[in-house]
All heavy atoms as atom14 arrays in JSON, in Angstrom:
{
  "sequence": "EVEEKSGGAPRRQKVQSAQIATDILKGLADLSPSTSLSKLAQHL",
  "atom14_mask": [
    [1, 1, 1, 1, 1, 1, 1, 1, 1, 0, 0, 0, 0, 0],
    [1, 1, 1, 1, 1, 1, 1, 0, 0, 0, 0, 0, 0, 0],
    [1, 1, 1, 1, 1, 1, 1, 1, 1, 0, 0, 0, 0, 0],
    [1, 1, 1, 1, 1, 1, 1, 1, 1, 0, 0, 0, 0, 0],
    [1, 1, 1, 1, 1, 1, 1, 1, 1, 0, 0, 0, 0, 0],
    [1, 1, 1, 1, 1, 1, 0, 0, 0, 0, 0, 0, 0, 0],
    [1, 1, 1, 1, 0, 0, 0, 0, 0, 0, 0, 0, 0, 0],
    [1, 1, 1, 1, 0, 0, 0, 0, 0, 0, 0, 0, 0, 0],
    [1, 1, 1, 1, 1, 0, 0, 0, 0, 0, 0, 0, 0, 0],
    [1, 1, 1, 1, 1, 1, 1, 0, 0, 0, 0, 0, 0, 0],
    [1, 1, 1, 1, 1, 1, 1, 1, 1, 1, 1, 0, 0, 0],
    [1, 1, 1, 1, 1, 1, 1, 1, 1, 1, 1, 0, 0, 0],
    [1, 1, 1, 1, 1, 1, 1, 1, 1, 0, 0, 0, 0, 0],
    [1, 1, 1, 1, 1, 1, 1, 1, 1, 0, 0, 0, 0, 0],
    [1, 1, 1, 1, 1, 1, 1, 0, 0, 0, 0, 0, 0, 0],
    [1, 1, 1, 1, 1, 1, 1, 1, 1, 0, 0, 0, 0, 0],
    [1, 1, 1, 1, 1, 1, 0, 0, 0, 0, 0, 0, 0, 0],
    [1, 1, 1, 1, 1, 0, 0, 0, 0, 0, 0, 0, 0, 0],
    [1, 1, 1, 1, 1, 1, 1, 1, 1, 0, 0, 0, 0, 0],
    [1, 1, 1, 1, 1, 1, 1, 1, 0, 0, 0, 0, 0, 0],
    [1, 1, 1, 1, 1, 0, 0, 0, 0, 0, 0, 0, 0, 0],
    [1, 1, 1, 1, 1, 1, 1, 0, 0, 0, 0, 0, 0, 0],
    [1, 1, 1, 1, 1, 1, 1, 1, 0, 0, 0, 0, 0, 0],
    [1, 1, 1, 1, 1, 1, 1, 1, 0, 0, 0, 0, 0, 0],
    [1, 1, 1, 1, 1, 1, 1, 1, 0, 0, 0, 0, 0, 0],
    [1, 1, 1, 1, 1, 1, 1, 1, 1, 0, 0, 0, 0, 0],
    [1, 1, 1, 1, 0, 0, 0, 0, 0, 0, 0, 0, 0, 0],
    [1, 1, 1, 1, 1, 1, 1, 1, 0, 0, 0, 0, 0, 0],
    [1, 1, 1, 1, 1, 0, 0, 0, 0, 0, 0, 0, 0, 0],
    [1, 1, 1, 1, 1, 1, 1, 1, 0, 0, 0, 0, 0, 0],
    [1, 1, 1, 1, 1, 1, 1, 1, 0, 0, 0, 0, 0, 0],
    [1, 1, 1, 1, 1, 1, 0, 0, 0, 0, 0, 0, 0, 0],
    [1, 1, 1, 1, 1, 1, 1, 0, 0, 0, 0, 0, 0, 0],
    [1, 1, 1, 1, 1, 1, 0, 0, 0, 0, 0, 0, 0, 0],
    [1, 1, 1, 1, 1, 1, 1, 0, 0, 0, 0, 0, 0, 0],
    [1, 1, 1, 1, 1, 1, 0, 0, 0, 0, 0, 0, 0, 0],
    [1, 1, 1, 1, 1, 1, 1, 1, 0, 0, 0, 0, 0, 0],
    [1, 1, 1, 1, 1, 1, 0, 0, 0, 0, 0, 0, 0, 0],
    [1, 1, 1, 1, 1, 1, 1, 1, 1, 0, 0, 0, 0, 0],
    [1, 1, 1, 1, 1, 1, 1, 1, 0, 0, 0, 0, 0, 0],
    [1, 1, 1, 1, 1, 0, 0, 0, 0, 0, 0, 0, 0, 0],
    [1, 1, 1, 1, 1, 1, 1, 1, 1, 0, 0, 0, 0, 0],
    [1, 1, 1, 1, 1, 1, 1, 1, 1, 1, 0, 0, 0, 0],
    [1, 1, 1, 1, 1, 1, 1, 1, 0, 0, 0, 0, 0, 0]
  ],
  "atom14_positions": [
    [[-4.47, -5.9, -6.58], [-5.16, -6.5, -7.72], [-6.34, -5.63, -8.1], [-7.14, -5.22, -7.26], [-5.64, -7.89, -7.36], [-4.5, -8.88, -7.19], [-5.0, -10.29, -6.97], [-6.21, -10.46, -6.79], [-4.17, -11.2, -6.99], [0.0, 0.0, 0.0], [0.0, 0.0, 0.0], [0.0, 0.0, 0.0], [0.0, 0.0, 0.0], [0.0, 0.0, 0.0]],
    [[-6.44, -5.33, -9.38], [-7.61, -4.63, -9.89], [-8.29, -5.53, -10.89], [-7.65, -6.35, -11.55], [-7.22, -3.3, -10.58], [-6.68, -2.33, -9.57], [-6.26, -3.52, -11.7], [0.0, 0.0, 0.0], [0.0, 0.0, 0.0], [0.0, 0.0, 0.0], [0.0, 0.0, 0.0], [0.0, 0.0, 0.0], [0.0, 0.0, 0.0], [0.0, 0.0, 0.0]],
    [[-9.55, -5.38, -10.98], [-10.32, -6.25, -11.85], [-10.87, -5.44, -13.02], [-11.49, -4.4, -12.82], [-11.47, -6.86, -11.05], [-11.91, -8.2, -11.56], [-12.89, -8.82, -10.61], [-13.98, -8.25, -10.45], [-12.58, -9.87, -10.04], [0.0, 0.0, 0.0], [0.0, 0.0, 0.0], [0.0, 0.0, 0.0], [0.0, 0.0, 0.0], [0.0, 0.0, 0.0]],
    [[-10.56, -5.86, -14.2], [-11.09, -5.22, -15.39], [-11.92, -6.23, -16.15], [-11.61, -7.41, -16.17], [-9.94, -4.73, -16.29], [-9.09, -3.66, -15.64], [-7.99, -3.2, -16.57], [-7.94, -3.73, -17.7], [-7.2, -2.34, -16.17], [0.0, 0.0, 0.0], [0.0, 0.0, 0.0], [0.0, 0.0, 0.0], [0.0, 0.0, 0.0], [0.0, 0.0, 0.0]],
    [[-12.96, -5.77, -16.81], [-13.83, -6.65, -17.57], [-13.58, -6.45, -19.05], [-13.58, -5.34, -19.54], [-15.3, -6.39, -17.22], [-15.64, -6.8, -15.8], [-17.13, -6.69, -15.55], [-17.49, -7.18, -14.16], [-18.92, -7.11, -13.9], [0.0, 0.0, 0.0], [0.0, 0.0, 0.0], [0.0, 0.0, 0.0], [0.0, 0.0, 0.0], [0.0, 0.0, 0.0]],
    [[-13.34, -7.53, -19.72], [-13.13, -7.49, -21.16], [-13.99, -8.58, -21.77], [-13.79, -9.76, -21.53], [-11.66, -7.73, -21.5], [-11.46, -7.75, -22.88], [0.0, 0.0, 0.0], [0.0, 0.0, 0.0], [0.0, 0.0, 0.0], [0.0, 0.0, 0.0], [0.0, 0.0, 0.0], [0.0, 0.0, 0.0], [0.0, 0.0, 0.0], [0.0, 0.0, 0.0]],
    [[-14.99, -8.14, -22.58], [-15.9, -9.12, -23.18], [-16.72, -9.85, -22.16], [-17.06, -11.01, -22.34], [0.0, 0.0, 0.0], [0.0, 0.0, 0.0], [0.0, 0.0, 0.0], [0.0, 0.0, 0.0], [0.0, 0.0, 0.0], [0.0, 0.0, 0.0], [0.0, 0.0, 0.0], [0.0, 0.0, 0.0], [0.0, 0.0, 0.0], [0.0, 0.0, 0.0]],
    [[-17.01, -9.18, -21.03], [-17.85, -9.79, -20.01], [-17.08, -10.65, -19.05], [-17.63, -11.06, -18.04], [0.0, 0.0, 0.0], [0.0, 0.0, 0.0], [0.0, 0.0, 0.0], [0.0, 0.0, 0.0], [0.0, 0.0, 0.0], [0.0, 0.0, 0.0], [0.0, 0.0, 0.0], [0.0, 0.0, 0.0], [0.0, 0.0, 0.0], [0.0, 0.0, 0.0]],
    [[-15.82, -10.96, -19.3], [-15.05, -11.82, -18.42], [-14.07, -10.99, -17.62], [-13.34, -10.16, -18.19], [-14.3, -12.87, -19.23], [0.0, 0.0, 0.0], [0.0, 0.0, 0.0], [0.0, 0.0, 0.0], [0.0, 0.0, 0.0], [0.0, 0.0, 0.0], [0.0, 0.0, 0.0], [0.0, 0.0, 0.0], [0.0, 0.0, 0.0], [0.0, 0.0, 0.0]],
    [[-14.01, -11.17, -16.28], [-13.08, -10.39, -15.46], [-11.64, -10.77, -15.78], [-11.33, -11.93, -15.97], [-13.46, -10.76, -14.03], [-14.1, -12.09, -14.13], [-14.79, -12.12, -15.45], [0.0, 0.0, 0.0], [0.0, 0.0, 0.0], [0.0, 0.0, 0.0], [0.0, 0.0, 0.0], [0.0, 0.0, 0.0], [0.0, 0.0, 0.0], [0.0, 0.0, 0.0]],
    [[-10.78, -9.78, -15.83], [-9.36, -10.03, -16.05], [-8.59, -9.39, -14.9], [-8.71, -8.21, -14.64], [-8.91, -9.42, -17.38], [-7.42, -9.6, -17.66], [-7.12, -9.25, -19.1], [-7.48, -7.89, -19.43], [-6.66, -6.84, -19.27], [-5.46, -7.01, -18.77], [-7.07, -5.63, -19.59], [0.0, 0.0, 0.0], [0.0, 0.0, 0.0], [0.0, 0.0, 0.0]],
    [[-7.8, -10.2, -14.21], [-7.05, -9.71, -13.06], [-5.66, -9.26, -13.5], [-5.0, -9.94, -14.26], [-6.92, -10.8, -11.99], [-8.24, -11.11, -11.3], [-8.04, -12.07, -10.14], [-9.27, -12.29, -9.43], [-9.74, -11.52, -8.48], [-9.08, -10.43, -8.13], [-10.87, -11.79, -7.87], [0.0, 0.0, 0.0], [0.0, 0.0, 0.0], [0.0, 0.0, 0.0]],
    [[-5.28, -8.13, -13.01], [-3.96, -7.62, -13.33], [-3.36, -7.05, -12.05], [-4.0, -6.28, -11.34], [-4.04, -6.51, -14.39], [-2.69, -5.91, -14.74], [-2.85, -4.75, -15.7], [-3.96, -4.34, -15.98], [-1.74, -4.23, -16.17], [0.0, 0.0, 0.0], [0.0, 0.0, 0.0], [0.0, 0.0, 0.0], [0.0, 0.0, 0.0], [0.0, 0.0, 0.0]],
    [[-2.14, -7.46, -11.76], [-1.47, -6.96, -10.55], [-0.76, -5.65, -10.86], [0.01, -5.55, -11.79], [-0.45, -7.99, -10.04], [-1.11, -9.22, -9.42], [-0.07, -10.1, -8.77], [-0.74, -11.26, -8.05], [0.24, -12.11, -7.37], [0.0, 0.0, 0.0], [0.0, 0.0, 0.0], [0.0, 0.0, 0.0], [0.0, 0.0, 0.0], [0.0, 0.0, 0.0]],
    [[-1.05, -4.64, -10.07], [-0.38, -3.36, -10.21], [0.13, -2.94, -8.83], [-0.32, -3.42, -7.8], [-1.33, -2.28, -10.77], [-1.81, -2.64, -12.15], [-2.49, -2.05, -9.82], [0.0, 0.0, 0.0], [0.0, 0.0, 0.0], [0.0, 0.0, 0.0], [0.0, 0.0, 0.0], [0.0, 0.0, 0.0], [0.0, 0.0, 0.0], [0.0, 0.0, 0.0]],
    [[1.05, -2.02, -8.82], [1.65, -1.57, -7.57], [0.65, -0.76, -6.76], [-0.08, 0.06, -7.29], [2.89, -0.73, -7.87], [3.87, -0.73, -6.72], [5.28, -0.51, -7.19], [5.52, 0.34, -8.02], [6.2, -1.27, -6.66], [0.0, 0.0, 0.0], [0.0, 0.0, 0.0], [0.0, 0.0, 0.0], [0.0, 0.0, 0.0], [0.0, 0.0, 0.0]],
    [[0.64, -1.02, -5.45], [-0.29, -0.33, -4.58], [0.3, 0.99, -4.1], [1.04, 1.04, -3.13], [-0.65, -1.2, -3.39], [-1.43, -0.46, -2.48], [0.0, 0.0, 0.0], [0.0, 0.0, 0.0], [0.0, 0.0, 0.0], [0.0, 0.0, 0.0], [0.0, 0.0, 0.0], [0.0, 0.0, 0.0], [0.0, 0.0, 0.0], [0.0, 0.0, 0.0]],
    [[-0.03, 2.04, -4.8], [0.48, 3.36, -4.4], [-0.1, 3.79, -3.05], [0.58, 4.46, -2.26], [0.13, 4.39, -5.47], [0.0, 0.0, 0.0], [0.0, 0.0, 0.0], [0.0, 0.0, 0.0], [0.0, 0.0, 0.0], [0.0, 0.0, 0.0], [0.0, 0.0, 0.0], [0.0, 0.0, 0.0], [0.0, 0.0, 0.0], [0.0, 0.0, 0.0]],
    [[-1.34, 3.39, -2.79], [-1.98, 3.82, -1.55], [-1.25, 3.28, -0.33], [-0.95, 4.02, 0.62], [-3.44, 3.35, -1.52], [-4.2, 3.77, -0.27], [-4.3, 5.27, -0.13], [-4.81, 5.94, -1.02], [-3.81, 5.81, 0.98], [0.0, 0.0, 0.0], [0.0, 0.0, 0.0], [0.0, 0.0, 0.0], [0.0, 0.0, 0.0], [0.0, 0.0, 0.0]],
    [[-0.93, 2.0, -0.33], [-0.26, 1.4, 0.83], [1.14, 1.97, 0.96], [1.61, 2.28, 2.06], [-0.23, -0.13, 0.71], [-1.66, -0.68, 0.74], [0.58, -0.74, 1.85], [-1.76, -2.18, 0.55], [0.0, 0.0, 0.0], [0.0, 0.0, 0.0], [0.0, 0.0, 0.0], [0.0, 0.0, 0.0], [0.0, 0.0, 0.0], [0.0, 0.0, 0.0]],
    [[1.84, 2.12, -0.17], [3.19, 2.67, -0.13], [3.16, 4.09, 0.43], [4.01, 4.47, 1.25], [3.8, 2.66, -1.52], [0.0, 0.0, 0.0], [0.0, 0.0, 0.0], [0.0, 0.0, 0.0], [0.0, 0.0, 0.0], [0.0, 0.0, 0.0], [0.0, 0.0, 0.0], [0.0, 0.0, 0.0], [0.0, 0.0, 0.0], [0.0, 0.0, 0.0]],
    [[2.16, 4.88, 0.02], [2.04, 6.25, 0.51], [1.77, 6.26, 2.01], [2.34, 7.08, 2.75], [0.91, 6.99, -0.22], [1.19, 7.0, -1.63], [0.76, 8.4, 0.28], [0.0, 0.0, 0.0], [0.0, 0.0, 0.0], [0.0, 0.0, 0.0], [0.0, 0.0, 0.0], [0.0, 0.0, 0.0], [0.0, 0.0, 0.0], [0.0, 0.0, 0.0]],
    [[0.92, 5.36, 2.47], [0.62, 5.27, 3.9], [1.89, 4.96, 4.7], [2.11, 5.51, 5.79], [-0.43, 4.2, 4.17], [-1.82, 4.62, 3.7], [-2.02, 5.83, 3.45], [-2.7, 3.75, 3.58], [0.0, 0.0, 0.0], [0.0, 0.0, 0.0], [0.0, 0.0, 0.0], [0.0, 0.0, 0.0], [0.0, 0.0, 0.0], [0.0, 0.0, 0.0]],
    [[2.72, 4.09, 4.16], [3.95, 3.72, 4.86], [4.92, 4.89, 4.88], [5.57, 5.17, 5.9], [4.59, 2.47, 4.22], [3.7, 1.25, 4.52], [6.01, 2.24, 4.73], [4.14, -0.01, 3.85], [0.0, 0.0, 0.0], [0.0, 0.0, 0.0], [0.0, 0.0, 0.0], [0.0, 0.0, 0.0], [0.0, 0.0, 0.0], [0.0, 0.0, 0.0]],
    [[5.02, 5.62, 3.78], [5.88, 6.8, 3.75], [5.39, 7.85, 4.74], [6.2, 8.49, 5.44], [5.94, 7.38, 2.34], [6.7, 6.56, 1.3], [6.51, 7.15, -0.08], [8.18, 6.49, 1.65], [0.0, 0.0, 0.0], [0.0, 0.0, 0.0], [0.0, 0.0, 0.0], [0.0, 0.0, 0.0], [0.0, 0.0, 0.0], [0.0, 0.0, 0.0]],
    [[4.09, 8.04, 4.81], [3.53, 8.98, 5.79], [3.84, 8.52, 7.21], [4.13, 9.33, 8.09], [2.02, 9.12, 5.6], [1.61, 9.89, 4.35], [0.1, 9.95, 4.23], [-0.33, 10.72, 2.99], [-1.82, 10.71, 2.85], [0.0, 0.0, 0.0], [0.0, 0.0, 0.0], [0.0, 0.0, 0.0], [0.0, 0.0, 0.0], [0.0, 0.0, 0.0]],
    [[3.76, 7.21, 7.44], [4.09, 6.66, 8.75], [5.54, 6.91, 9.12], [5.85, 7.27, 10.27], [0.0, 0.0, 0.0], [0.0, 0.0, 0.0], [0.0, 0.0, 0.0], [0.0, 0.0, 0.0], [0.0, 0.0, 0.0], [0.0, 0.0, 0.0], [0.0, 0.0, 0.0], [0.0, 0.0, 0.0], [0.0, 0.0, 0.0], [0.0, 0.0, 0.0]],
    [[6.44, 6.74, 8.16], [7.86, 7.02, 8.42], [8.06, 8.5, 8.74], [8.88, 8.85, 9.59], [8.7, 6.63, 7.2], [8.85, 5.13, 6.94], [9.55, 4.9, 5.6], [9.63, 4.45, 8.07], [0.0, 0.0, 0.0], [0.0, 0.0, 0.0], [0.0, 0.0, 0.0], [0.0, 0.0, 0.0], [0.0, 0.0, 0.0], [0.0, 0.0, 0.0]],
    [[7.3, 9.36, 8.08], [7.4, 10.8, 8.36], [6.86, 11.11, 9.75], [7.45, 11.88, 10.51], [6.63, 11.59, 7.31], [0.0, 0.0, 0.0], [0.0, 0.0, 0.0], [0.0, 0.0, 0.0], [0.0, 0.0, 0.0], [0.0, 0.0, 0.0], [0.0, 0.0, 0.0], [0.0, 0.0, 0.0], [0.0, 0.0, 0.0], [0.0, 0.0, 0.0]],
    [[5.73, 10.49, 10.12], [5.14, 10.72, 11.44], [6.08, 10.3, 12.55], [6.13, 10.94, 13.61], [3.83, 9.93, 11.58], [2.7, 10.49, 10.72], [2.8, 11.66, 10.32], [1.75, 9.74, 10.45], [0.0, 0.0, 0.0], [0.0, 0.0, 0.0], [0.0, 0.0, 0.0], [0.0, 0.0, 0.0], [0.0, 0.0, 0.0], [0.0, 0.0, 0.0]],
    [[6.82, 9.21, 12.33], [7.68, 8.64, 13.37], [9.14, 9.01, 13.18], [10.02, 8.37, 13.74], [7.52, 7.11, 13.38], [6.09, 6.61, 13.64], [6.02, 5.09, 13.52], [5.6, 7.04, 15.02], [0.0, 0.0, 0.0], [0.0, 0.0, 0.0], [0.0, 0.0, 0.0], [0.0, 0.0, 0.0], [0.0, 0.0, 0.0], [0.0, 0.0, 0.0]],
    [[9.39, 10.03, 12.35], [10.78, 10.44, 12.08], [11.46, 10.88, 13.39], [10.79, 11.3, 14.33], [10.79, 11.57, 11.06], [10.16, 12.71, 11.59], [0.0, 0.0, 0.0], [0.0, 0.0, 0.0], [0.0, 0.0, 0.0], [0.0, 0.0, 0.0], [0.0, 0.0, 0.0], [0.0, 0.0, 0.0], [0.0, 0.0, 0.0], [0.0, 0.0, 0.0]],
    [[12.8, 10.78, 13.48], [13.71, 10.51, 12.36], [13.82, 9.03, 11.96], [14.23, 8.74, 10.86], [15.04, 11.03, 12.89], [14.95, 10.87, 14.36], [13.53, 11.15, 14.71], [0.0, 0.0, 0.0], [0.0, 0.0, 0.0], [0.0, 0.0, 0.0], [0.0, 0.0, 0.0], [0.0, 0.0, 0.0], [0.0, 0.0, 0.0], [0.0, 0.0, 0.0]],
    [[13.49, 8.1, 12.86], [13.54, 6.68, 12.49], [12.63, 5.89, 13.43], [12.26, 6.38, 14.51], [14.97, 6.14, 12.56], [15.46, 6.17, 13.89], [0.0, 0.0, 0.0], [0.0, 0.0, 0.0], [0.0, 0.0, 0.0], [0.0, 0.0, 0.0], [0.0, 0.0, 0.0], [0.0, 0.0, 0.0], [0.0, 0.0, 0.0], [0.0, 0.0, 0.0]],
    [[12.3, 4.68, 13.02], [11.4, 3.86, 13.83], [11.65, 2.39, 13.56], [12.2, 2.01, 12.53], [9.94, 4.22, 13.52], [9.07, 3.48, 14.39], [9.58, 3.87, 12.07], [0.0, 0.0, 0.0], [0.0, 0.0, 0.0], [0.0, 0.0, 0.0], [0.0, 0.0, 0.0], [0.0, 0.0, 0.0], [0.0, 0.0, 0.0], [0.0, 0.0, 0.0]],
    [[11.21, 1.57, 14.49], [11.32, 0.12, 14.33], [10.16, -0.39, 13.49], [9.14, 0.29, 13.33], [11.31, -0.57, 15.69], [10.05, -0.39, 16.32], [0.0, 0.0, 0.0], [0.0, 0.0, 0.0], [0.0, 0.0, 0.0], [0.0, 0.0, 0.0], [0.0, 0.0, 0.0], [0.0, 0.0, 0.0], [0.0, 0.0, 0.0], [0.0, 0.0, 0.0]],
    [[10.32, -1.58, 12.95], [9.25, -2.2, 12.16], [8.0, -2.37, 13.0], [6.88, -2.09, 12.53], [9.72, -3.54, 11.61], [8.67, -4.39, 10.89], [8.16, -3.65, 9.66], [9.25, -5.74, 10.5], [0.0, 0.0, 0.0], [0.0, 0.0, 0.0], [0.0, 0.0, 0.0], [0.0, 0.0, 0.0], [0.0, 0.0, 0.0], [0.0, 0.0, 0.0]],
    [[8.14, -2.82, 14.23], [6.96, -3.08, 15.07], [6.2, -1.8, 15.37], [4.96, -1.77, 15.32], [7.38, -3.76, 16.38], [8.3, -2.95, 17.1], [0.0, 0.0, 0.0], [0.0, 0.0, 0.0], [0.0, 0.0, 0.0], [0.0, 0.0, 0.0], [0.0, 0.0, 0.0], [0.0, 0.0, 0.0], [0.0, 0.0, 0.0], [0.0, 0.0, 0.0]],
    [[6.92, -0.7, 15.66], [6.24, 0.56, 15.95], [5.55, 1.11, 14.71], [4.45, 1.66, 14.78], [7.24, 1.58, 16.5], [7.66, 1.32, 17.93], [8.58, 2.42, 18.44], [8.96, 2.17, 19.89], [9.89, 3.22, 20.41], [0.0, 0.0, 0.0], [0.0, 0.0, 0.0], [0.0, 0.0, 0.0], [0.0, 0.0, 0.0], [0.0, 0.0, 0.0]],
    [[6.21, 0.96, 13.56], [5.61, 1.43, 12.32], [4.35, 0.64, 12.0], [3.31, 1.22, 11.63], [6.62, 1.32, 11.18], [6.13, 1.77, 9.79], [5.7, 3.22, 9.81], [7.22, 1.54, 8.75], [0.0, 0.0, 0.0], [0.0, 0.0, 0.0], [0.0, 0.0, 0.0], [0.0, 0.0, 0.0], [0.0, 0.0, 0.0], [0.0, 0.0, 0.0]],
    [[4.4, -0.67, 12.15], [3.23, -1.51, 11.88], [2.09, -1.16, 12.83], [0.92, -1.07, 12.41], [3.62, -2.98, 12.03], [0.0, 0.0, 0.0], [0.0, 0.0, 0.0], [0.0, 0.0, 0.0], [0.0, 0.0, 0.0], [0.0, 0.0, 0.0], [0.0, 0.0, 0.0], [0.0, 0.0, 0.0], [0.0, 0.0, 0.0], [0.0, 0.0, 0.0]],
    [[2.42, -0.94, 14.11], [1.39, -0.57, 15.08], [0.77, 0.78, 14.73], [-0.45, 0.97, 14.81], [2.0, -0.53, 16.48], [0.99, -0.2, 17.58], [1.63, -0.18, 18.95], [2.85, -0.13, 19.08], [0.83, -0.23, 19.99], [0.0, 0.0, 0.0], [0.0, 0.0, 0.0], [0.0, 0.0, 0.0], [0.0, 0.0, 0.0], [0.0, 0.0, 0.0]],
    [[1.61, 1.72, 14.34], [1.14, 3.06, 13.96], [0.2, 3.01, 12.77], [-0.79, 3.75, 12.72], [2.36, 3.94, 13.64], [2.02, 5.33, 13.22], [1.6, 6.3, 14.11], [2.04, 5.93, 11.99], [1.37, 7.43, 13.46], [1.63, 7.24, 12.17], [0.0, 0.0, 0.0], [0.0, 0.0, 0.0], [0.0, 0.0, 0.0], [0.0, 0.0, 0.0]],
    [[0.5, 2.13, 11.82], [-0.3, 2.03, 10.6], [-1.49, 1.09, 10.74], [-2.4, 1.11, 9.9], [0.58, 1.54, 9.44], [1.71, 2.47, 9.02], [2.66, 1.76, 8.06], [1.15, 3.73, 8.37], [0.0, 0.0, 0.0], [0.0, 0.0, 0.0], [0.0, 0.0, 0.0], [0.0, 0.0, 0.0], [0.0, 0.0, 0.0], [0.0, 0.0, 0.0]]
  ]
}
């Protein structure tokens, strides 16, 4: 969620979290060739 202000009032808009997705992709690369969900979650 990012918050933008329009006319002084905050407006919430949901956008895709590239940062978290990138972190997960990096985690998959770190633990390649494959990993379990629990190990990936612990790693991240």
